[in-house]
Amino acid sequence: MDKHNHPSNMKKTFIITLSLLVSTSISLYSQYTFQKTISNPDDQKINCVTEDDGGNFIMVGYKTSLELNKTQAYLIRLDPLGELLDEMVLDTAQGYSMFFNVFFFNDSLFLLGSRRIDALTAKLLYLKLDKDLVIIDEKNLGIPSDRWFAYMNSIIDSDSNFAITGYTTRYDTVSPYNNDVFFYKLSLAGDSINSKYITSNYNLSMSFDIMEKSD
């Protein structure tokens, strides 16, 4: 079984519910309430949602096709009333890519995720899109070999850089997998500023969130 794909017997449908209460908790300020059901033959997961200056909701994650043995980075855009405007799938030769975070900043969309380049090499994926979801810039940034991103969370800090944390996964000699914390700082243009990948003997070493001190 491919180590990056996640077979599931779950029903291949997800339901999106957005209300004023939910919107406030994720820093979205739409006054609309709607429920949207999107069905697809593939397993789908949404990792992050943001709102653009037109009140549209941009949701990113991935979709997995067991038939094609592919996991593809996935984006959908809904209007303020919940109507589907766009879908985007990022295909790769190796059949694995995933979006973790999305930001609407400086009139552009920025997506952070992971992409597999070959059987043993994963990269940190950076995409910049315009309002029409046209790719303006794309970068694949190196990470230590023989590990891949399992989780990623990020913020835009006061210097307008992406501060990213999460954990990578690698094969382990004792337990099947080992999860290791990482930190990454990336410029708004997608250039690497600094990174730290921690290799731990504990198979569950994870980081879930990051914040900037007010001073």
N, C-alpha and C. Protein backbone atom coordinates (compact mmCIF):
# COMPACT_ATOMS: atom_id res chain seq x y z
N MET A 1 0.83 -1.20 0.00
CA MET A 1 0.00 0.00 0.00
C MET A 1 0.87 1.25 0.00
N ASP A 2 0.53 2.22 -0.81
CA ASP A 2 1.32 3.44 -0.87
C ASP A 2 1.25 4.15 0.47
N LYS A 3 2.40 4.59 1.01
CA LYS A 3 2.43 5.17 2.35
C LYS A 3 1.76 6.53 2.41
N HIS A 4 1.49 7.16 1.26
CA HIS A 4 0.91 8.48 1.28
C HIS A 4 -0.60 8.46 1.11
N ASN A 5 -1.15 7.36 0.63
CA ASN A 5 -2.58 7.29 0.39
C ASN A 5 -3.28 6.69 1.59
N HIS A 6 -4.53 7.06 1.76
CA HIS A 6 -5.25 6.66 2.96
C HIS A 6 -6.58 6.04 2.57
N PRO A 7 -6.61 4.73 2.29
CA PRO A 7 -7.85 4.08 1.91
C PRO A 7 -8.89 4.22 3.02
N SER A 8 -10.13 4.33 2.63
CA SER A 8 -11.20 4.51 3.60
C SER A 8 -12.47 3.92 3.04
N ASN A 9 -13.29 3.38 3.93
CA ASN A 9 -14.58 2.86 3.52
C ASN A 9 -15.69 3.85 3.84
N MET A 10 -15.34 5.06 4.21
CA MET A 10 -16.33 6.07 4.56
C MET A 10 -17.10 6.50 3.32
N LYS A 11 -18.32 6.96 3.53
CA LYS A 11 -19.13 7.46 2.44
C LYS A 11 -18.43 8.66 1.79
N LYS A 12 -18.39 8.69 0.48
CA LYS A 12 -17.59 9.68 -0.23
C LYS A 12 -18.39 10.96 -0.47
N THR A 13 -18.86 11.55 0.59
CA THR A 13 -19.65 12.78 0.54
C THR A 13 -19.27 13.62 1.73
N PHE A 14 -19.17 14.94 1.54
CA PHE A 14 -19.01 15.78 2.71
C PHE A 14 -20.03 16.90 2.68
N ILE A 15 -20.42 17.33 3.86
CA ILE A 15 -21.44 18.36 4.01
C ILE A 15 -20.79 19.59 4.61
N ILE A 16 -21.01 20.73 3.99
CA ILE A 16 -20.46 21.99 4.47
C ILE A 16 -21.58 22.79 5.11
N THR A 17 -21.41 23.16 6.36
CA THR A 17 -22.37 24.01 7.04
C THR A 17 -21.65 25.23 7.57
N LEU A 18 -22.08 26.40 7.15
CA LEU A 18 -21.49 27.64 7.63
C LEU A 18 -22.59 28.52 8.19
N SER A 19 -22.38 29.00 9.39
CA SER A 19 -23.32 29.93 10.01
C SER A 19 -22.54 31.09 10.58
N LEU A 20 -23.24 32.07 11.13
CA LEU A 20 -22.57 33.21 11.72
C LEU A 20 -21.67 32.78 12.86
N LEU A 21 -22.12 31.84 13.68
CA LEU A 21 -21.32 31.37 14.81
C LEU A 21 -20.06 30.67 14.32
N VAL A 22 -20.20 29.75 13.39
CA VAL A 22 -19.05 29.03 12.87
C VAL A 22 -18.12 30.00 12.15
N SER A 23 -18.68 30.90 11.37
CA SER A 23 -17.86 31.85 10.63
C SER A 23 -17.03 32.71 11.55
N THR A 24 -17.61 33.15 12.65
CA THR A 24 -16.86 33.98 13.59
C THR A 24 -15.70 33.20 14.18
N SER A 25 -15.90 31.94 14.48
CA SER A 25 -14.85 31.15 15.13
C SER A 25 -13.67 30.91 14.21
N ILE A 26 -13.85 31.00 12.90
CA ILE A 26 -12.74 30.80 11.98
C ILE A 26 -12.43 32.09 11.22
N SER A 27 -12.78 33.21 11.82
CA SER A 27 -12.45 34.53 11.29
C SER A 27 -13.08 34.79 9.93
N LEU A 28 -14.26 34.27 9.72
CA LEU A 28 -15.04 34.58 8.54
C LEU A 28 -16.25 35.41 8.98
N TYR A 29 -16.62 36.38 8.18
CA TYR A 29 -17.59 37.34 8.66
C TYR A 29 -18.83 37.45 7.78
N SER A 30 -19.14 36.42 7.06
CA SER A 30 -20.35 36.42 6.25
C SER A 30 -21.58 36.38 7.14
N GLN A 31 -22.65 37.07 6.71
CA GLN A 31 -23.90 37.07 7.45
C GLN A 31 -24.85 35.98 6.96
N TYR A 32 -24.39 35.15 6.04
CA TYR A 32 -25.24 34.12 5.47
C TYR A 32 -25.14 32.82 6.27
N THR A 33 -26.23 32.04 6.19
CA THR A 33 -26.23 30.70 6.74
C THR A 33 -26.67 29.75 5.63
N PHE A 34 -25.91 28.68 5.41
CA PHE A 34 -26.30 27.72 4.38
C PHE A 34 -25.72 26.36 4.71
N GLN A 35 -26.30 25.35 4.09
CA GLN A 35 -25.76 24.00 4.16
C GLN A 35 -25.60 23.50 2.74
N LYS A 36 -24.44 22.96 2.44
CA LYS A 36 -24.14 22.51 1.09
C LYS A 36 -23.62 21.09 1.13
N THR A 37 -24.19 20.22 0.34
CA THR A 37 -23.72 18.84 0.21
C THR A 37 -23.05 18.67 -1.15
N ILE A 38 -21.80 18.22 -1.13
CA ILE A 38 -21.07 17.99 -2.37
C ILE A 38 -20.69 16.52 -2.43
N SER A 39 -21.18 15.83 -3.45
CA SER A 39 -20.89 14.40 -3.60
C SER A 39 -19.87 14.20 -4.70
N ASN A 40 -19.04 13.19 -4.51
CA ASN A 40 -17.97 12.90 -5.46
C ASN A 40 -17.62 11.43 -5.33
N PRO A 41 -17.24 10.77 -6.41
CA PRO A 41 -16.85 9.35 -6.28
C PRO A 41 -15.63 9.13 -5.41
N ASP A 42 -14.83 10.18 -5.17
CA ASP A 42 -13.60 10.04 -4.40
C ASP A 42 -13.83 10.42 -2.94
N ASP A 43 -12.95 9.94 -2.07
CA ASP A 43 -12.93 10.40 -0.68
C ASP A 43 -12.36 11.80 -0.65
N GLN A 44 -13.00 12.70 0.11
CA GLN A 44 -12.59 14.08 0.14
C GLN A 44 -12.41 14.55 1.58
N LYS A 45 -11.45 15.43 1.78
CA LYS A 45 -11.26 16.04 3.09
C LYS A 45 -10.87 17.49 2.92
N ILE A 46 -11.53 18.37 3.66
CA ILE A 46 -11.20 19.79 3.68
C ILE A 46 -10.34 20.08 4.90
N ASN A 47 -9.16 20.67 4.68
CA ASN A 47 -8.25 20.98 5.78
C ASN A 47 -8.33 22.42 6.25
N CYS A 48 -8.76 23.34 5.38
CA CYS A 48 -8.71 24.76 5.74
C CYS A 48 -9.72 25.52 4.88
N VAL A 49 -10.23 26.63 5.42
CA VAL A 49 -11.17 27.48 4.70
C VAL A 49 -10.85 28.93 4.97
N THR A 50 -11.00 29.78 3.96
CA THR A 50 -10.85 31.22 4.13
C THR A 50 -11.90 31.91 3.28
N GLU A 51 -11.96 33.24 3.41
CA GLU A 51 -12.95 34.04 2.69
C GLU A 51 -12.22 35.14 1.93
N ASP A 52 -12.62 35.36 0.66
CA ASP A 52 -11.99 36.42 -0.10
C ASP A 52 -12.75 37.73 0.05
N ASP A 53 -12.31 38.76 -0.65
CA ASP A 53 -12.93 40.07 -0.47
C ASP A 53 -14.30 40.18 -1.12
N GLY A 54 -14.71 39.15 -1.85
CA GLY A 54 -16.05 39.12 -2.41
C GLY A 54 -17.02 38.29 -1.60
N GLY A 55 -16.57 37.81 -0.44
CA GLY A 55 -17.44 37.00 0.41
C GLY A 55 -17.51 35.54 0.00
N ASN A 56 -16.69 35.14 -0.97
CA ASN A 56 -16.66 33.74 -1.38
C ASN A 56 -15.81 32.92 -0.42
N PHE A 57 -16.17 31.66 -0.27
CA PHE A 57 -15.44 30.76 0.62
C PHE A 57 -14.52 29.86 -0.21
N ILE A 58 -13.24 29.85 0.14
CA ILE A 58 -12.26 29.00 -0.54
C ILE A 58 -11.84 27.90 0.43
N MET A 59 -12.04 26.66 0.05
CA MET A 59 -11.77 25.51 0.91
C MET A 59 -10.75 24.61 0.22
N VAL A 60 -9.77 24.17 0.98
CA VAL A 60 -8.71 23.35 0.40
C VAL A 60 -8.49 22.08 1.21
N GLY A 61 -7.99 21.07 0.55
CA GLY A 61 -7.70 19.79 1.20
C GLY A 61 -7.18 18.82 0.16
N TYR A 62 -7.81 17.65 0.10
CA TYR A 62 -7.39 16.66 -0.90
C TYR A 62 -8.53 15.71 -1.21
N LYS A 63 -8.41 15.02 -2.32
CA LYS A 63 -9.35 13.97 -2.69
C LYS A 63 -8.55 12.74 -3.07
N THR A 64 -9.03 11.59 -2.65
CA THR A 64 -8.33 10.33 -2.90
C THR A 64 -9.19 9.40 -3.73
N SER A 65 -8.64 8.94 -4.82
CA SER A 65 -9.31 7.96 -5.67
C SER A 65 -8.65 6.61 -5.46
N LEU A 66 -9.39 5.66 -4.91
CA LEU A 66 -8.84 4.31 -4.72
C LEU A 66 -8.69 3.60 -6.06
N GLU A 67 -9.57 3.92 -6.98
CA GLU A 67 -9.51 3.28 -8.29
C GLU A 67 -8.24 3.69 -9.04
N LEU A 68 -7.89 4.98 -8.97
CA LEU A 68 -6.70 5.48 -9.67
C LEU A 68 -5.45 5.44 -8.80
N ASN A 69 -5.62 5.14 -7.49
CA ASN A 69 -4.51 5.15 -6.54
C ASN A 69 -3.81 6.51 -6.54
N LYS A 70 -4.62 7.58 -6.43
CA LYS A 70 -4.12 8.94 -6.43
C LYS A 70 -4.70 9.74 -5.28
N THR A 71 -3.87 10.55 -4.66
CA THR A 71 -4.33 11.58 -3.72
C THR A 71 -3.93 12.92 -4.31
N GLN A 72 -4.93 13.78 -4.56
CA GLN A 72 -4.70 15.02 -5.28
C GLN A 72 -5.12 16.22 -4.44
N ALA A 73 -4.27 17.26 -4.44
CA ALA A 73 -4.64 18.51 -3.79
C ALA A 73 -5.91 19.05 -4.43
N TYR A 74 -6.79 19.59 -3.59
CA TYR A 74 -8.16 19.87 -4.03
C TYR A 74 -8.59 21.23 -3.48
N LEU A 75 -9.22 22.05 -4.32
CA LEU A 75 -9.75 23.35 -3.92
C LEU A 75 -11.15 23.50 -4.46
N ILE A 76 -12.05 24.04 -3.64
CA ILE A 76 -13.38 24.40 -4.11
C ILE A 76 -13.68 25.82 -3.66
N ARG A 77 -14.47 26.53 -4.46
CA ARG A 77 -14.88 27.89 -4.10
C ARG A 77 -16.40 27.98 -4.16
N LEU A 78 -16.99 28.49 -3.09
CA LEU A 78 -18.43 28.68 -2.99
C LEU A 78 -18.73 30.15 -2.89
N ASP A 79 -19.85 30.57 -3.46
CA ASP A 79 -20.25 31.97 -3.30
C ASP A 79 -20.88 32.17 -1.93
N PRO A 80 -21.22 33.41 -1.54
CA PRO A 80 -21.74 33.66 -0.18
C PRO A 80 -23.03 32.90 0.15
N LEU A 81 -23.74 32.40 -0.86
CA LEU A 81 -24.97 31.64 -0.63
C LEU A 81 -24.74 30.14 -0.69
N GLY A 82 -23.49 29.73 -0.89
CA GLY A 82 -23.17 28.31 -0.88
C GLY A 82 -23.20 27.63 -2.23
N GLU A 83 -23.35 28.40 -3.30
CA GLU A 83 -23.35 27.80 -4.63
C GLU A 83 -21.91 27.55 -5.09
N LEU A 84 -21.70 26.40 -5.69
CA LEU A 84 -20.37 26.02 -6.14
C LEU A 84 -19.96 26.86 -7.35
N LEU A 85 -18.83 27.55 -7.22
CA LEU A 85 -18.30 28.38 -8.31
C LEU A 85 -17.19 27.68 -9.08
N ASP A 86 -16.24 27.08 -8.36
CA ASP A 86 -15.07 26.49 -9.00
C ASP A 86 -14.60 25.26 -8.24
N GLU A 87 -13.97 24.37 -8.95
CA GLU A 87 -13.21 23.27 -8.37
C GLU A 87 -11.85 23.22 -9.06
N MET A 88 -10.81 22.92 -8.30
CA MET A 88 -9.48 22.80 -8.88
C MET A 88 -8.80 21.58 -8.29
N VAL A 89 -8.21 20.75 -9.13
CA VAL A 89 -7.47 19.59 -8.71
C VAL A 89 -6.05 19.71 -9.21
N LEU A 90 -5.09 19.54 -8.31
CA LEU A 90 -3.68 19.62 -8.70
C LEU A 90 -3.16 18.20 -8.89
N ASP A 91 -2.96 17.84 -10.14
CA ASP A 91 -2.49 16.49 -10.45
C ASP A 91 -0.96 16.47 -10.46
N THR A 92 -0.40 15.32 -10.14
CA THR A 92 1.06 15.15 -10.17
C THR A 92 1.39 13.81 -10.79
N ALA A 93 2.60 13.72 -11.33
CA ALA A 93 3.02 12.49 -11.98
C ALA A 93 3.07 11.33 -10.99
N GLN A 94 3.45 11.62 -9.74
CA GLN A 94 3.55 10.57 -8.74
C GLN A 94 2.22 10.29 -8.03
N GLY A 95 1.20 11.07 -8.33
CA GLY A 95 -0.13 10.77 -7.80
C GLY A 95 -0.35 11.16 -6.36
N TYR A 96 0.44 12.10 -5.82
CA TYR A 96 0.20 12.53 -4.46
C TYR A 96 0.49 14.02 -4.31
N SER A 97 -0.53 14.76 -3.89
CA SER A 97 -0.38 16.15 -3.50
C SER A 97 -1.52 16.48 -2.55
N MET A 98 -1.32 17.50 -1.71
CA MET A 98 -2.30 17.83 -0.68
C MET A 98 -2.15 19.29 -0.29
N PHE A 99 -3.29 19.99 -0.12
CA PHE A 99 -3.28 21.33 0.44
C PHE A 99 -3.62 21.26 1.93
N PHE A 100 -2.85 21.99 2.75
CA PHE A 100 -3.15 22.09 4.17
C PHE A 100 -3.73 23.44 4.57
N ASN A 101 -3.21 24.53 3.99
CA ASN A 101 -3.61 25.87 4.41
C ASN A 101 -3.87 26.75 3.21
N VAL A 102 -4.78 27.73 3.39
CA VAL A 102 -5.06 28.72 2.35
C VAL A 102 -5.21 30.08 3.01
N PHE A 103 -4.67 31.12 2.36
CA PHE A 103 -4.77 32.50 2.83
C PHE A 103 -5.20 33.38 1.67
N PHE A 104 -6.07 34.35 1.98
CA PHE A 104 -6.34 35.43 1.03
C PHE A 104 -5.65 36.67 1.59
N PHE A 105 -4.62 37.15 0.87
CA PHE A 105 -3.76 38.22 1.38
C PHE A 105 -3.21 39.01 0.20
N ASN A 106 -3.24 40.34 0.32
CA ASN A 106 -2.74 41.21 -0.75
C ASN A 106 -3.38 40.88 -2.09
N ASP A 107 -4.68 40.64 -2.06
CA ASP A 107 -5.47 40.41 -3.28
C ASP A 107 -5.10 39.12 -4.01
N SER A 108 -4.44 38.19 -3.31
CA SER A 108 -4.07 36.91 -3.92
C SER A 108 -4.39 35.77 -2.96
N LEU A 109 -4.45 34.58 -3.51
CA LEU A 109 -4.61 33.37 -2.70
C LEU A 109 -3.26 32.67 -2.59
N PHE A 110 -2.93 32.25 -1.36
CA PHE A 110 -1.69 31.51 -1.12
C PHE A 110 -2.06 30.16 -0.53
N LEU A 111 -1.52 29.10 -1.11
CA LEU A 111 -1.81 27.74 -0.66
C LEU A 111 -0.52 27.06 -0.26
N LEU A 112 -0.55 26.39 0.88
CA LEU A 112 0.59 25.63 1.38
C LEU A 112 0.19 24.17 1.51
N GLY A 113 1.08 23.29 1.09
CA GLY A 113 0.75 21.88 1.17
C GLY A 113 1.96 21.01 0.96
N SER A 114 1.71 19.84 0.39
CA SER A 114 2.77 18.85 0.20
C SER A 114 2.60 18.18 -1.15
N ARG A 115 3.72 17.84 -1.76
CA ARG A 115 3.69 17.15 -3.04
C ARG A 115 4.81 16.11 -3.06
N ARG A 116 4.53 14.97 -3.62
CA ARG A 116 5.55 13.95 -3.79
C ARG A 116 6.19 14.08 -5.15
N ILE A 117 7.52 14.14 -5.17
CA ILE A 117 8.27 14.27 -6.41
C ILE A 117 8.63 12.91 -6.98
N ASP A 118 9.05 12.00 -6.12
CA ASP A 118 9.27 10.62 -6.53
C ASP A 118 8.93 9.72 -5.35
N ALA A 119 9.21 8.45 -5.46
CA ALA A 119 8.77 7.49 -4.44
C ALA A 119 9.32 7.78 -3.06
N LEU A 120 10.48 8.45 -2.96
CA LEU A 120 11.12 8.69 -1.67
C LEU A 120 11.24 10.16 -1.31
N THR A 121 10.76 11.05 -2.17
CA THR A 121 11.01 12.47 -1.97
C THR A 121 9.70 13.26 -1.94
N ALA A 122 9.47 13.92 -0.80
CA ALA A 122 8.33 14.83 -0.66
C ALA A 122 8.84 16.26 -0.59
N LYS A 123 8.00 17.21 -0.98
CA LYS A 123 8.35 18.62 -0.97
C LYS A 123 7.25 19.43 -0.27
N LEU A 124 7.65 20.58 0.26
CA LEU A 124 6.67 21.55 0.74
C LEU A 124 6.17 22.32 -0.47
N LEU A 125 4.87 22.32 -0.66
CA LEU A 125 4.27 22.91 -1.85
C LEU A 125 3.77 24.32 -1.55
N TYR A 126 4.17 25.28 -2.39
CA TYR A 126 3.72 26.67 -2.29
C TYR A 126 3.06 27.05 -3.62
N LEU A 127 1.85 27.61 -3.53
CA LEU A 127 1.16 28.10 -4.72
C LEU A 127 0.62 29.50 -4.45
N LYS A 128 0.74 30.36 -5.44
CA LYS A 128 0.11 31.68 -5.41
C LYS A 128 -0.86 31.75 -6.58
N LEU A 129 -2.12 32.09 -6.29
CA LEU A 129 -3.16 32.16 -7.31
C LEU A 129 -3.75 33.56 -7.37
N ASP A 130 -4.26 33.94 -8.54
CA ASP A 130 -5.01 35.18 -8.62
C ASP A 130 -6.47 34.90 -8.30
N LYS A 131 -7.31 35.91 -8.44
CA LYS A 131 -8.72 35.75 -8.07
C LYS A 131 -9.47 34.80 -8.98
N ASP A 132 -8.93 34.55 -10.17
CA ASP A 132 -9.55 33.61 -11.09
C ASP A 132 -8.99 32.20 -10.93
N LEU A 133 -8.23 31.97 -9.87
CA LEU A 133 -7.60 30.69 -9.55
C LEU A 133 -6.56 30.28 -10.59
N VAL A 134 -5.99 31.26 -11.25
CA VAL A 134 -4.88 31.01 -12.16
C VAL A 134 -3.58 31.01 -11.36
N ILE A 135 -2.74 30.01 -11.57
CA ILE A 135 -1.48 29.90 -10.83
C ILE A 135 -0.51 30.97 -11.30
N ILE A 136 -0.10 31.84 -10.38
CA ILE A 136 0.88 32.89 -10.66
C ILE A 136 2.28 32.41 -10.37
N ASP A 137 2.44 31.65 -9.29
CA ASP A 137 3.76 31.16 -8.91
C ASP A 137 3.60 29.82 -8.21
N GLU A 138 4.59 28.98 -8.35
CA GLU A 138 4.56 27.64 -7.77
C GLU A 138 5.98 27.23 -7.40
N LYS A 139 6.15 26.74 -6.18
CA LYS A 139 7.47 26.29 -5.74
C LYS A 139 7.34 24.97 -4.99
N ASN A 140 8.38 24.14 -5.09
CA ASN A 140 8.49 22.90 -4.33
C ASN A 140 9.77 22.98 -3.51
N LEU A 141 9.63 23.05 -2.18
CA LEU A 141 10.76 23.29 -1.30
C LEU A 141 11.18 21.99 -0.61
N GLY A 142 12.49 21.79 -0.54
CA GLY A 142 13.01 20.53 -0.04
C GLY A 142 12.83 20.32 1.45
N ILE A 143 12.65 19.07 1.83
CA ILE A 143 12.60 18.66 3.23
C ILE A 143 13.54 17.44 3.38
N PRO A 144 13.87 17.05 4.61
CA PRO A 144 14.74 15.88 4.77
C PRO A 144 14.18 14.65 4.05
N SER A 145 15.06 13.82 3.55
CA SER A 145 14.65 12.66 2.76
C SER A 145 13.93 11.62 3.60
N ASP A 146 13.17 10.78 2.93
CA ASP A 146 12.48 9.64 3.53
C ASP A 146 11.46 10.04 4.60
N ARG A 147 10.88 11.23 4.47
CA ARG A 147 9.77 11.61 5.34
C ARG A 147 8.80 12.47 4.53
N TRP A 148 7.57 12.56 5.02
CA TRP A 148 6.54 13.30 4.31
C TRP A 148 5.68 14.06 5.32
N PHE A 149 4.99 15.08 4.85
CA PHE A 149 4.14 15.89 5.72
C PHE A 149 2.85 15.15 6.04
N ALA A 150 2.58 15.04 7.35
CA ALA A 150 1.32 14.45 7.80
C ALA A 150 0.34 15.51 8.26
N TYR A 151 0.85 16.64 8.73
CA TYR A 151 0.00 17.72 9.22
C TYR A 151 0.78 19.02 9.13
N MET A 152 0.05 20.11 8.83
CA MET A 152 0.68 21.42 8.69
C MET A 152 -0.32 22.49 9.11
N ASN A 153 0.15 23.49 9.88
CA ASN A 153 -0.67 24.64 10.24
C ASN A 153 0.22 25.86 10.17
N SER A 154 -0.32 27.00 9.77
CA SER A 154 0.53 28.16 9.54
C SER A 154 -0.22 29.46 9.78
N ILE A 155 0.57 30.53 9.96
CA ILE A 155 0.06 31.88 10.08
C ILE A 155 0.89 32.79 9.19
N ILE A 156 0.38 33.99 8.92
CA ILE A 156 1.20 35.05 8.32
C ILE A 156 1.60 35.96 9.48
N ASP A 157 2.91 36.09 9.72
CA ASP A 157 3.36 36.84 10.89
C ASP A 157 3.44 38.34 10.58
N SER A 158 3.92 39.12 11.55
CA SER A 158 3.94 40.57 11.42
C SER A 158 4.94 41.06 10.37
N ASP A 159 5.84 40.20 9.93
CA ASP A 159 6.76 40.53 8.84
C ASP A 159 6.25 40.05 7.48
N SER A 160 5.00 39.61 7.45
CA SER A 160 4.38 39.08 6.23
C SER A 160 5.13 37.86 5.70
N ASN A 161 5.59 37.03 6.62
CA ASN A 161 6.15 35.73 6.27
C ASN A 161 5.22 34.62 6.75
N PHE A 162 5.28 33.47 6.12
CA PHE A 162 4.53 32.31 6.59
C PHE A 162 5.34 31.62 7.68
N ALA A 163 4.76 31.48 8.86
CA ALA A 163 5.35 30.68 9.93
C ALA A 163 4.55 29.40 10.01
N ILE A 164 5.23 28.28 9.80
CA ILE A 164 4.56 26.99 9.63
C ILE A 164 5.04 26.00 10.69
N THR A 165 4.14 25.21 11.20
CA THR A 165 4.51 24.10 12.07
C THR A 165 3.65 22.89 11.71
N GLY A 166 3.92 21.79 12.38
CA GLY A 166 3.20 20.56 12.11
C GLY A 166 4.10 19.37 12.40
N TYR A 167 3.89 18.28 11.70
CA TYR A 167 4.79 17.15 11.88
C TYR A 167 4.91 16.34 10.59
N THR A 168 6.08 15.78 10.42
CA THR A 168 6.34 14.87 9.30
C THR A 168 6.26 13.43 9.81
N THR A 169 6.12 12.52 8.90
CA THR A 169 6.08 11.10 9.24
C THR A 169 7.17 10.37 8.45
N ARG A 170 7.79 9.39 9.09
CA ARG A 170 8.81 8.57 8.44
C ARG A 170 8.67 7.14 8.96
N TYR A 171 9.21 6.20 8.22
CA TYR A 171 9.24 4.83 8.68
C TYR A 171 10.20 4.70 9.85
N ASP A 172 9.88 3.80 10.77
CA ASP A 172 10.68 3.65 11.99
C ASP A 172 11.06 2.19 12.15
N THR A 173 12.20 1.94 12.79
CA THR A 173 12.67 0.56 12.97
C THR A 173 11.95 -0.16 14.09
N VAL A 174 11.35 0.61 15.03
CA VAL A 174 10.67 0.00 16.17
C VAL A 174 9.17 -0.06 15.94
N SER A 175 8.54 1.10 15.70
CA SER A 175 7.12 1.15 15.38
C SER A 175 6.97 1.42 13.88
N PRO A 176 5.80 1.18 13.33
CA PRO A 176 5.66 1.33 11.86
C PRO A 176 6.02 2.75 11.38
N TYR A 177 5.58 3.78 12.14
CA TYR A 177 5.82 5.14 11.73
C TYR A 177 6.34 5.97 12.90
N ASN A 178 7.05 7.03 12.57
CA ASN A 178 7.53 7.96 13.57
C ASN A 178 7.14 9.37 13.13
N ASN A 179 6.48 10.12 14.01
CA ASN A 179 6.06 11.49 13.71
C ASN A 179 7.01 12.47 14.38
N ASP A 180 7.51 13.44 13.62
CA ASP A 180 8.49 14.39 14.11
C ASP A 180 8.03 15.82 13.85
N VAL A 181 8.21 16.68 14.85
CA VAL A 181 7.82 18.08 14.75
C VAL A 181 8.73 18.82 13.76
N PHE A 182 8.16 19.79 13.06
CA PHE A 182 8.97 20.66 12.20
C PHE A 182 8.48 22.10 12.32
N PHE A 183 9.37 23.04 11.99
CA PHE A 183 9.05 24.46 11.91
C PHE A 183 9.66 25.00 10.62
N TYR A 184 8.94 25.90 9.97
CA TYR A 184 9.42 26.42 8.69
C TYR A 184 8.99 27.87 8.57
N LYS A 185 9.90 28.72 8.11
CA LYS A 185 9.55 30.11 7.80
C LYS A 185 9.77 30.33 6.32
N LEU A 186 8.74 30.88 5.69
CA LEU A 186 8.69 31.02 4.25
C LEU A 186 8.27 32.44 3.92
N SER A 187 8.93 33.08 2.96
CA SER A 187 8.53 34.43 2.57
C SER A 187 7.22 34.39 1.80
N LEU A 188 6.61 35.56 1.65
CA LEU A 188 5.36 35.65 0.91
C LEU A 188 5.56 35.26 -0.56
N ALA A 189 6.80 35.40 -1.04
CA ALA A 189 7.12 35.03 -2.42
C ALA A 189 7.47 33.55 -2.55
N GLY A 190 7.41 32.80 -1.43
CA GLY A 190 7.67 31.36 -1.49
C GLY A 190 9.12 30.98 -1.36
N ASP A 191 9.95 31.90 -0.86
CA ASP A 191 11.37 31.60 -0.67
C ASP A 191 11.61 31.12 0.76
N SER A 192 12.44 30.10 0.90
CA SER A 192 12.74 29.54 2.21
C SER A 192 13.61 30.52 3.01
N ILE A 193 13.21 30.81 4.26
CA ILE A 193 13.97 31.68 5.14
C ILE A 193 14.70 30.87 6.20
N ASN A 194 13.99 29.94 6.81
CA ASN A 194 14.60 29.11 7.85
C ASN A 194 13.72 27.89 8.08
N SER A 195 14.33 26.82 8.55
CA SER A 195 13.55 25.62 8.86
C SER A 195 14.25 24.81 9.93
N LYS A 196 13.47 24.03 10.66
CA LYS A 196 14.02 23.12 11.66
C LYS A 196 13.17 21.87 11.66
N TYR A 197 13.80 20.74 11.38
CA TYR A 197 13.14 19.44 11.41
C TYR A 197 13.73 18.64 12.56
N ILE A 198 12.89 18.27 13.49
CA ILE A 198 13.35 17.58 14.70
C ILE A 198 13.19 16.08 14.49
N THR A 199 14.24 15.34 14.75
CA THR A 199 14.19 13.88 14.70
C THR A 199 14.17 13.35 16.11
N SER A 200 13.08 12.68 16.48
CA SER A 200 12.86 12.24 17.85
C SER A 200 12.75 10.72 17.91
N ASN A 201 13.13 10.16 19.05
CA ASN A 201 12.96 8.73 19.27
C ASN A 201 11.53 8.38 19.67
N TYR A 202 10.74 9.39 20.00
CA TYR A 202 9.34 9.16 20.36
C TYR A 202 8.52 9.11 19.08
N ASN A 203 7.73 8.07 18.93
CA ASN A 203 7.01 7.92 17.66
C ASN A 203 5.81 8.85 17.54
N LEU A 204 5.42 9.52 18.63
CA LEU A 204 4.34 10.50 18.58
C LEU A 204 4.85 11.84 19.10
N SER A 205 5.53 12.57 18.26
CA SER A 205 6.03 13.91 18.58
C SER A 205 5.40 14.87 17.58
N MET A 206 4.40 15.64 18.02
CA MET A 206 3.57 16.39 17.07
C MET A 206 3.37 17.83 17.53
N SER A 207 3.19 18.72 16.57
CA SER A 207 2.88 20.12 16.82
C SER A 207 1.65 20.48 15.99
N PHE A 208 0.71 21.19 16.60
CA PHE A 208 -0.56 21.44 15.94
C PHE A 208 -0.85 22.91 15.62
N ASP A 209 -0.21 23.83 16.32
CA ASP A 209 -0.56 25.23 16.13
C ASP A 209 0.64 26.12 16.41
N ILE A 210 0.58 27.35 15.93
CA ILE A 210 1.68 28.29 16.13
C ILE A 210 1.07 29.69 16.24
N MET A 211 1.68 30.54 17.08
CA MET A 211 1.22 31.91 17.23
C MET A 211 2.42 32.81 17.47
N GLU A 212 2.23 34.11 17.23
CA GLU A 212 3.29 35.09 17.39
C GLU A 212 3.06 35.89 18.66
N LYS A 213 4.12 36.11 19.44
CA LYS A 213 4.00 36.91 20.65
C LYS A 213 3.66 38.35 20.27
N SER A 214 2.85 38.98 21.10
CA SER A 214 2.39 40.33 20.79
C SER A 214 3.51 41.35 20.83
N ASP A 215 4.61 41.06 21.53
CA ASP A 215 5.73 42.00 21.60
C ASP A 215 6.80 41.66 20.58
